[in-house]
Amino acid sequence: MSNRIEQIREKLTAALSPVSLEIEDDSHLHAGHAGARGGGHYTVHIVSTAFEGKAPLARHRQVYAALEDMMQQEIHALSIKASTP
């Protein structure tokens, strides 16, 4: 699982150059949930100047775009808190 967190960190860093980035693995909270068999459940707290002037939905789309290839299997659920410095 820590490998997934590192992959998420690398992709978000490359795409959004965050000032601050915290990634939490919440998968243990969803044990037994149908989606828990495949990808994990994560919470991302990201602060980036790339979000300046953008609505929350646009910020979330930027995060999803950066993680697009992981969203198919490695990530089942993603909670995003995206803000500017």
C-alpha atoms as a PDB file:
ATOM      1  CA  MET A   1       0.000   0.000   0.000  1.00  0.00           C
ATOM      2  CA  SER A   2       2.805   2.451   0.763  1.00  0.00           C
ATOM      3  CA  ASN A   3       3.913   1.997  -2.845  1.00  0.00           C
ATOM      4  CA  ARG A   4       0.533   3.377  -3.950  1.00  0.00           C
ATOM      5  CA  ILE A   5       0.962   6.389  -1.695  1.00  0.00           C
ATOM      6  CA  GLU A   6       4.376   7.043  -3.228  1.00  0.00           C
ATOM      7  CA  GLN A   7       2.904   6.716  -6.730  1.00  0.00           C
ATOM      8  CA  ILE A   8       0.155   9.188  -5.828  1.00  0.00           C
ATOM      9  CA  ARG A   9       2.753  11.564  -4.352  1.00  0.00           C
ATOM     10  CA  GLU A  10       4.969  11.365  -7.459  1.00  0.00           C
ATOM     11  CA  LYS A  11       2.103  11.977  -9.885  1.00  0.00           C
ATOM     12  CA  LEU A  12       0.620  14.906  -7.951  1.00  0.00           C
ATOM     13  CA  THR A  13       4.050  16.466  -7.431  1.00  0.00           C
ATOM     14  CA  ALA A  14       4.879  16.221 -11.135  1.00  0.00           C
ATOM     15  CA  ALA A  15       1.525  17.606 -12.260  1.00  0.00           C
ATOM     16  CA  LEU A  16       0.770  20.263  -9.644  1.00  0.00           C
ATOM     17  CA  SER A  17       4.027  21.168  -7.850  1.00  0.00           C
ATOM     18  CA  PRO A  18       2.336  21.312  -4.460  1.00  0.00           C
ATOM     19  CA  VAL A  19       3.512  23.544  -1.644  1.00  0.00           C
ATOM     20  CA  SER A  20       2.065  20.982   0.752  1.00  0.00           C
ATOM     21  CA  LEU A  21       0.844  17.432   0.165  1.00  0.00           C
ATOM     22  CA  GLU A  22      -0.560  14.924   2.646  1.00  0.00           C
ATOM     23  CA  ILE A  23      -1.894  11.534   1.606  1.00  0.00           C
ATOM     24  CA  GLU A  24      -3.788   9.279   3.987  1.00  0.00           C
ATOM     25  CA  ASP A  25      -4.619   5.638   3.340  1.00  0.00           C
ATOM     26  CA  ASP A  26      -8.185   5.124   4.585  1.00  0.00           C
ATOM     27  CA  SER A  27      -8.538   1.616   3.168  1.00  0.00           C
ATOM     28  CA  HIS A  28      -8.684  -0.009   6.617  1.00  0.00           C
ATOM     29  CA  LEU A  29     -11.881   1.952   7.312  1.00  0.00           C
ATOM     30  CA  HIS A  30     -13.564   0.218   4.374  1.00  0.00           C
ATOM     31  CA  ALA A  31     -12.645  -3.420   5.056  1.00  0.00           C
ATOM     32  CA  GLY A  32     -15.412  -5.659   3.785  1.00  0.00           C
ATOM     33  CA  HIS A  33     -16.761  -2.966   1.459  1.00  0.00           C
ATOM     34  CA  ALA A  34     -17.171  -4.274  -2.101  1.00  0.00           C
ATOM     35  CA  GLY A  35     -14.713  -1.704  -3.454  1.00  0.00           C
ATOM     36  CA  ALA A  36     -12.081  -2.572  -0.863  1.00  0.00           C
ATOM     37  CA  ARG A  37     -11.117  -5.693  -2.839  1.00  0.00           C
ATOM     38  CA  GLY A  38      -9.588  -3.702  -5.671  1.00  0.00           C
ATOM     39  CA  GLY A  39      -8.160  -0.250  -5.248  1.00  0.00           C
ATOM     40  CA  GLY A  40      -7.630   1.588  -2.010  1.00  0.00           C
ATOM     41  CA  HIS A  41      -9.416   4.492  -0.350  1.00  0.00           C
ATOM     42  CA  TYR A  42      -7.346   7.662   0.067  1.00  0.00           C
ATOM     43  CA  THR A  43      -7.636  11.218   1.331  1.00  0.00           C
ATOM     44  CA  VAL A  44      -5.463  13.871  -0.310  1.00  0.00           C
ATOM     45  CA  HIS A  45      -4.800  17.287   1.230  1.00  0.00           C
ATOM     46  CA  ILE A  46      -3.009  19.339  -1.410  1.00  0.00           C
ATOM     47  CA  VAL A  47      -2.006  23.006  -1.515  1.00  0.00           C
ATOM     48  CA  SER A  48      -0.824  24.337  -4.865  1.00  0.00           C
ATOM     49  CA  THR A  49      -0.579  27.596  -6.771  1.00  0.00           C
ATOM     50  CA  ALA A  50      -1.931  25.621  -9.749  1.00  0.00           C
ATOM     51  CA  PHE A  51      -5.370  25.945  -8.142  1.00  0.00           C
ATOM     52  CA  GLU A  52      -5.380  29.758  -8.050  1.00  0.00           C
ATOM     53  CA  GLY A  53      -8.503  31.237  -9.597  1.00  0.00           C
ATOM     54  CA  LYS A  54     -10.148  27.834  -9.994  1.00  0.00           C
ATOM     55  CA  ALA A  55     -13.415  26.613  -8.500  1.00  0.00           C
ATOM     56  CA  PRO A  56     -13.330  23.539  -6.237  1.00  0.00           C
ATOM     57  CA  LEU A  57     -14.671  21.284  -8.996  1.00  0.00           C
ATOM     58  CA  ALA A  58     -11.915  22.404 -11.390  1.00  0.00           C
ATOM     59  CA  ARG A  59      -9.303  21.725  -8.701  1.00  0.00           C
ATOM     60  CA  HIS A  60     -10.655  18.216  -8.183  1.00  0.00           C
ATOM     61  CA  ARG A  61     -10.570  17.616 -11.924  1.00  0.00           C
ATOM     62  CA  GLN A  62      -6.878  18.594 -11.955  1.00  0.00           C
ATOM     63  CA  VAL A  63      -6.149  16.042  -9.228  1.00  0.00           C
ATOM     64  CA  TYR A  64      -8.153  13.327 -11.001  1.00  0.00           C
ATOM     65  CA  ALA A  65      -6.364  14.106 -14.275  1.00  0.00           C
ATOM     66  CA  ALA A  66      -2.981  13.705 -12.586  1.00  0.00           C
ATOM     67  CA  LEU A  67      -4.040  10.323 -11.169  1.00  0.00           C
ATOM     68  CA  GLU A  68      -6.074   9.181 -14.166  1.00  0.00           C
ATOM     69  CA  ASP A  69      -4.231   5.923 -14.835  1.00  0.00           C
ATOM     70  CA  MET A  70      -4.406   4.930 -11.149  1.00  0.00           C
ATOM     71  CA  MET A  71      -8.143   5.583 -10.906  1.00  0.00           C
ATOM     72  CA  GLN A  72      -8.897   2.445 -12.930  1.00  0.00           C
ATOM     73  CA  GLN A  73      -7.496  -0.073 -10.428  1.00  0.00           C
ATOM     74  CA  GLU A  74      -5.197   1.265  -7.712  1.00  0.00           C
ATOM     75  CA  ILE A  75      -7.612   3.893  -6.365  1.00  0.00           C
ATOM     76  CA  HIS A  76     -11.229   2.995  -5.636  1.00  0.00           C
ATOM     77  CA  ALA A  77     -12.165   6.144  -3.709  1.00  0.00           C
ATOM     78  CA  LEU A  78     -10.462   9.504  -3.343  1.00  0.00           C
ATOM     79  CA  SER A  79     -11.366  12.324  -0.989  1.00  0.00           C
ATOM     80  CA  ILE A  80      -9.762  15.609  -2.064  1.00  0.00           C
ATOM     81  CA  LYS A  81      -9.093  18.795  -0.139  1.00  0.00           C
ATOM     82  CA  ALA A  82      -7.447  21.160  -2.625  1.00  0.00           C
ATOM     83  CA  SER A  83      -6.493  24.723  -1.749  1.00  0.00           C
ATOM     84  CA  THR A  84      -4.144  27.566  -2.628  1.00  0.00           C
ATOM     85  CA  PRO A  85      -1.273  28.808  -0.437  1.00  0.00           C
END
